[in-house]
Protein backbone atom coordinates (compact mmCIF):
# COMPACT_ATOMS: atom_id res chain seq x y z
CA MET A 1 -48.06 -24.38 -73.02
CA MET A 2 -44.63 -24.59 -74.67
CA HIS A 3 -43.04 -22.85 -71.66
CA PHE A 4 -44.93 -25.17 -69.31
CA ALA A 5 -43.77 -28.27 -71.21
CA ASP A 6 -40.17 -27.05 -71.31
CA SER A 7 -40.17 -26.54 -67.54
CA LEU A 8 -40.96 -30.24 -67.00
CA THR A 9 -39.01 -31.86 -69.83
CA PHE A 10 -35.48 -30.45 -69.68
CA SER A 11 -32.22 -32.46 -69.96
CA GLY A 12 -33.56 -34.56 -72.83
CA ARG A 13 -36.63 -35.77 -70.95
CA LYS A 14 -39.89 -35.80 -72.91
CA VAL A 15 -42.28 -37.86 -70.77
CA VAL A 16 -44.10 -37.06 -67.51
CA ALA A 17 -46.16 -39.14 -65.10
CA ALA A 18 -49.66 -38.21 -63.98
CA TRP A 19 -50.81 -38.39 -60.35
CA ALA A 20 -54.12 -37.46 -58.70
CA ALA A 21 -56.01 -37.54 -55.41
CA LEU A 22 -59.67 -37.66 -56.38
CA PRO A 23 -61.01 -36.65 -53.99
CA PHE A 24 -58.23 -35.00 -52.00
CA PRO A 25 -58.57 -36.45 -48.46
CA ALA A 26 -59.65 -33.44 -46.42
CA SER A 27 -62.13 -32.68 -43.67
CA ALA A 28 -64.09 -29.45 -43.68
CA SER A 29 -62.89 -28.55 -40.17
CA SER A 30 -59.14 -28.77 -40.97
CA SER A 31 -56.93 -26.18 -42.60
CA LEU A 32 -54.73 -27.00 -45.58
CA ALA A 33 -51.64 -26.82 -43.35
CA GLU A 34 -53.10 -29.39 -40.95
CA ILE A 35 -54.14 -31.69 -43.79
CA LEU A 36 -50.72 -31.69 -45.45
CA SER A 37 -48.86 -31.97 -42.14
CA ALA A 38 -50.84 -35.12 -41.36
CA GLN A 39 -49.59 -36.72 -44.58
CA GLN A 40 -46.01 -36.90 -43.23
CA GLN A 41 -44.03 -39.06 -45.70
CA GLU A 42 -47.07 -40.51 -47.46
CA MET A 43 -48.13 -38.52 -50.51
CA PRO A 44 -51.91 -38.16 -50.84
CA TRP A 45 -52.05 -38.87 -54.60
CA LYS A 46 -52.10 -42.08 -56.64
CA LEU A 47 -50.30 -42.87 -59.87
CA LEU A 48 -52.42 -42.67 -63.03
CA SER A 49 -49.71 -43.71 -65.47
CA SER A 50 -49.33 -47.34 -66.51
CA TRP A 51 -46.30 -48.59 -64.61
CA ARG A 52 -45.68 -50.12 -61.21
CA GLU A 53 -45.55 -47.41 -58.58
CA GLN A 54 -42.22 -47.28 -56.74
CA LYS A 55 -41.68 -46.44 -53.09
CA GLY A 56 -40.06 -43.16 -52.19
CA SER A 57 -40.78 -39.64 -53.35
CA SER A 58 -38.39 -37.98 -55.75
CA CYS A 59 -38.66 -36.14 -59.03
CA PHE A 60 -36.74 -33.81 -61.29
CA ALA A 61 -39.60 -31.38 -61.91
CA GLN A 62 -43.34 -31.19 -61.24
CA SER A 63 -46.42 -29.07 -61.60
CA VAL A 64 -49.12 -29.47 -58.93
CA VAL A 65 -52.65 -28.05 -58.81
CA LEU A 66 -54.98 -28.15 -55.79
CA ARG A 67 -58.66 -27.27 -56.12
CA GLY A 68 -61.32 -26.77 -53.49
CA VAL A 69 -59.25 -26.46 -50.28
CA CYS A 70 -58.35 -23.12 -48.74
CA GLN A 71 -55.86 -22.19 -46.03
CA GLU A 72 -58.09 -21.34 -43.07
CA LYS A 73 -57.53 -21.18 -39.34
CA GLY A 74 -57.50 -24.66 -37.80
CA SER A 75 -57.80 -25.98 -34.28
CA SER A 76 -54.12 -26.93 -34.00
CA ARG A 77 -50.75 -25.66 -35.15
CA SER A 78 -48.17 -27.13 -37.53
CA PRO A 79 -44.95 -25.85 -39.15
CA LEU A 80 -46.87 -25.07 -42.32
CA HIS A 81 -49.09 -22.62 -40.40
CA SER A 82 -46.35 -20.00 -40.68
CA CYS A 83 -47.22 -19.66 -44.38
CA GLU A 84 -49.50 -16.76 -45.23
CA SER A 85 -51.40 -18.25 -48.18
CA SER A 86 -52.57 -21.58 -49.60
CA GLU A 87 -50.04 -21.29 -52.40
CA GLN A 88 -47.20 -20.88 -49.90
CA VAL A 89 -48.44 -23.84 -47.84
CA LEU A 90 -48.50 -26.14 -50.87
CA GLN A 91 -45.16 -24.86 -52.18
CA GLN A 92 -43.49 -25.38 -48.80
CA PHE A 93 -44.94 -28.88 -48.55
CA LEU A 94 -43.60 -29.78 -52.01
CA HIS A 95 -40.19 -28.30 -51.17
CA THR A 96 -40.04 -30.49 -48.06
CA GLN A 97 -41.18 -33.65 -49.79
CA PHE A 98 -39.13 -33.15 -52.98
CA PRO A 99 -35.95 -31.26 -52.00
CA GLY A 100 -33.97 -30.06 -55.00
CA ALA A 101 -36.80 -30.55 -57.48
CA PHE A 102 -38.21 -27.77 -59.63
CA SER A 103 -41.80 -27.40 -58.41
CA THR A 104 -44.63 -25.11 -59.45
CA SER A 105 -47.95 -25.10 -57.63
CA HIS A 106 -51.35 -23.49 -58.02
CA VAL A 107 -54.30 -23.41 -55.62
CA LEU A 108 -57.81 -22.73 -56.91
CA GLN A 109 -60.75 -22.13 -54.59
CA GLN A 110 -63.30 -23.67 -56.94
CA PRO A 111 -63.66 -27.46 -56.42
CA CYS A 112 -64.25 -30.00 -59.17
CA ALA A 113 -67.97 -30.30 -59.94
CA THR A 114 -69.27 -33.89 -59.75
CA ARG A 115 -72.94 -33.59 -60.57
CA PRO A 116 -74.27 -36.09 -63.17
CA PRO A 117 -73.12 -37.20 -65.69
CA PHE A 118 -69.93 -37.37 -63.59
CA PRO A 119 -69.53 -41.02 -62.42
CA GLN A 120 -71.05 -41.43 -58.97
CA PHE A 121 -68.56 -43.81 -57.35
CA PHE A 122 -68.01 -41.95 -54.08
CA SER A 123 -67.83 -43.35 -50.58
CA PRO A 124 -70.72 -42.64 -48.17
CA LEU A 125 -68.05 -41.05 -45.95
CA LEU A 126 -68.01 -37.96 -48.18
CA SER A 127 -70.13 -34.87 -47.66
CA ARG A 128 -71.95 -33.14 -50.49
CA ARG A 129 -68.87 -30.94 -50.93
CA GLY A 130 -66.54 -33.94 -51.01
CA PHE A 131 -65.03 -33.59 -47.53
CA LEU A 132 -64.43 -36.54 -45.21
CA LEU A 133 -67.07 -37.31 -42.58
CA ASP A 134 -66.73 -39.08 -39.24
CA LYS A 135 -69.62 -41.39 -40.13
CA ALA A 136 -71.48 -42.39 -43.28
CA GLN A 137 -73.89 -39.86 -44.70
CA SER A 138 -77.64 -40.46 -44.74
CA PHE A 139 -78.08 -39.48 -48.39
CA SER A 140 -76.94 -41.40 -51.48
CA SER A 141 -73.33 -41.07 -52.68
CA ALA A 142 -74.86 -39.60 -55.84
CA GLY A 143 -75.51 -36.52 -53.69
CA VAL A 144 -71.80 -35.55 -53.80
CA GLU A 145 -71.91 -32.33 -55.82
CA SER A 146 -68.24 -31.35 -55.77
CA ILE A 147 -64.89 -32.60 -54.50
CA PRO A 148 -61.46 -31.14 -53.69
CA VAL A 149 -58.80 -32.47 -56.09
CA LEU A 150 -55.01 -32.60 -56.07
CA ALA A 151 -53.31 -33.38 -59.39
CA ALA A 152 -49.70 -33.44 -60.51
CA LEU A 153 -47.50 -33.96 -63.55
CA GLN A 154 -44.01 -35.21 -62.70
CA SER A 155 -40.77 -35.84 -64.49
CA CYS A 156 -39.46 -38.56 -62.18
CA PRO A 157 -36.90 -41.40 -62.04
CA GLY A 158 -39.64 -44.05 -62.12
CA LEU A 159 -40.16 -43.35 -65.82
CA HIS A 160 -36.81 -45.03 -66.50
CA SER A 161 -38.28 -48.47 -65.72
CA LEU A 162 -41.41 -47.74 -67.76
CA LEU A 163 -39.49 -46.73 -70.89
CA SER A 164 -36.92 -49.52 -70.48
CA GLU A 165 -39.68 -52.11 -70.24
CA LEU A 166 -41.27 -50.68 -73.37
CA CYS A 167 -37.95 -51.12 -75.19
CA LEU A 168 -37.78 -54.76 -74.12
CA GLN A 169 -41.32 -55.43 -75.31
CA LEU A 170 -40.59 -53.90 -78.71
CA GLN A 171 -37.50 -56.08 -79.04
CA ALA A 172 -39.41 -59.29 -78.35
CA PRO A 173 -39.77 -61.74 -81.30
CA ARG A 174 -43.53 -61.24 -81.48
CA ALA A 175 -43.05 -57.47 -81.66
CA ARG A 176 -40.51 -57.84 -84.47
CA ARG A 177 -42.92 -60.00 -86.49
CA TRP A 178 -45.68 -57.47 -85.82
CA SER A 179 -43.46 -54.57 -86.90
CA GLY A 180 -42.56 -56.30 -90.17
CA SER A 181 -46.15 -57.08 -91.20
CA CYS A 182 -48.27 -54.29 -89.76
CA MET A 183 -46.21 -51.11 -89.63
CA ALA A 184 -46.98 -49.95 -93.15
CA GLY A 185 -44.44 -47.52 -94.55
CA LEU A 186 -41.94 -47.93 -91.71
CA GLU A 187 -38.63 -49.48 -92.76
CA GLN A 188 -36.72 -51.78 -90.45
CA ASP A 189 -33.88 -49.24 -90.18
CA ASP A 190 -36.36 -46.54 -89.16
CA PHE A 191 -37.83 -48.87 -86.56
CA GLN A 192 -34.39 -49.59 -85.10
CA GLU A 193 -33.59 -45.89 -85.02
CA ALA A 194 -36.83 -45.13 -83.16
CA LEU A 195 -36.05 -47.96 -80.72
CA GLU A 196 -32.60 -46.51 -80.06
CA GLU A 197 -34.11 -43.06 -79.44
CA LEU A 198 -36.52 -44.63 -76.94
CA ARG A 199 -33.60 -46.36 -75.19
CA THR A 200 -31.72 -43.06 -75.02
CA LEU A 201 -34.82 -41.35 -73.62
CA ALA A 202 -35.05 -43.97 -70.87
CA GLN A 203 -31.44 -43.25 -69.88
CA CYS A 204 -32.36 -39.59 -69.30
CA TYR A 205 -34.37 -40.69 -66.25
CA GLU A 206 -31.55 -42.59 -64.58
CA THR A 207 -30.32 -41.06 -61.34
CA GLY A 208 -27.05 -42.94 -60.82
CA PHE A 209 -27.99 -43.78 -57.22
CA GLY A 210 -29.57 -47.20 -57.71
CA ALA A 211 -33.23 -48.11 -57.78
CA ASP A 212 -34.31 -46.09 -54.77
CA GLY A 213 -35.19 -43.06 -56.88
CA ALA A 214 -32.69 -40.67 -55.28
CA GLU A 215 -32.43 -37.23 -56.75
CA ASP A 216 -30.01 -36.52 -59.60
CA GLU A 217 -27.21 -34.25 -58.32
CA ALA A 218 -27.03 -32.41 -61.61
CA ASP A 219 -30.70 -31.49 -61.44
CA SER A 220 -30.57 -30.59 -57.75
CA ASP A 221 -27.93 -27.90 -58.12
């Protein structure tokens, strides 16, 4: 776990963002290469972390895990079909979408089990195995027994705005009154030092190319 954390939090960065596609949008008749090729520039996952999602796809480092979708022969061809395994398909897709980023990927055949007590909030357009259907199923959505899942942890430029906003909130007058009355055992100097460390941490996620989230040259070499 220490090696895994170090691979995502180099250059002074200590925070990562969480993303997930639950379920991963896939049909049972399509191969992994076809599914990812259809995504084009739109990533299939959604942000789970608490900040406003920014347009564009860039990151410094990421770890991605896909469960429940295998690389099988499909009815059509795509550039990703030249890959020999699911792991290679996913790795090539990440390399194309995030050029210059350090990416690790893992593909597991076993899907995520969703039998009760897992929350049954699924669309009627999902099969029992969590794949997309052309029309709504005849059984209840509670009949979804498993789903394919794509999840990722990213060290990305968007975290700069999240950490900077946190600094501003802690500097607000209400926050200062709260810190003086409720933070037992924490001196004002210690609070200011922690605030400065947070500000420095936010700067580690700056790219130097404006707000479009372009890749940091130093991390792309």
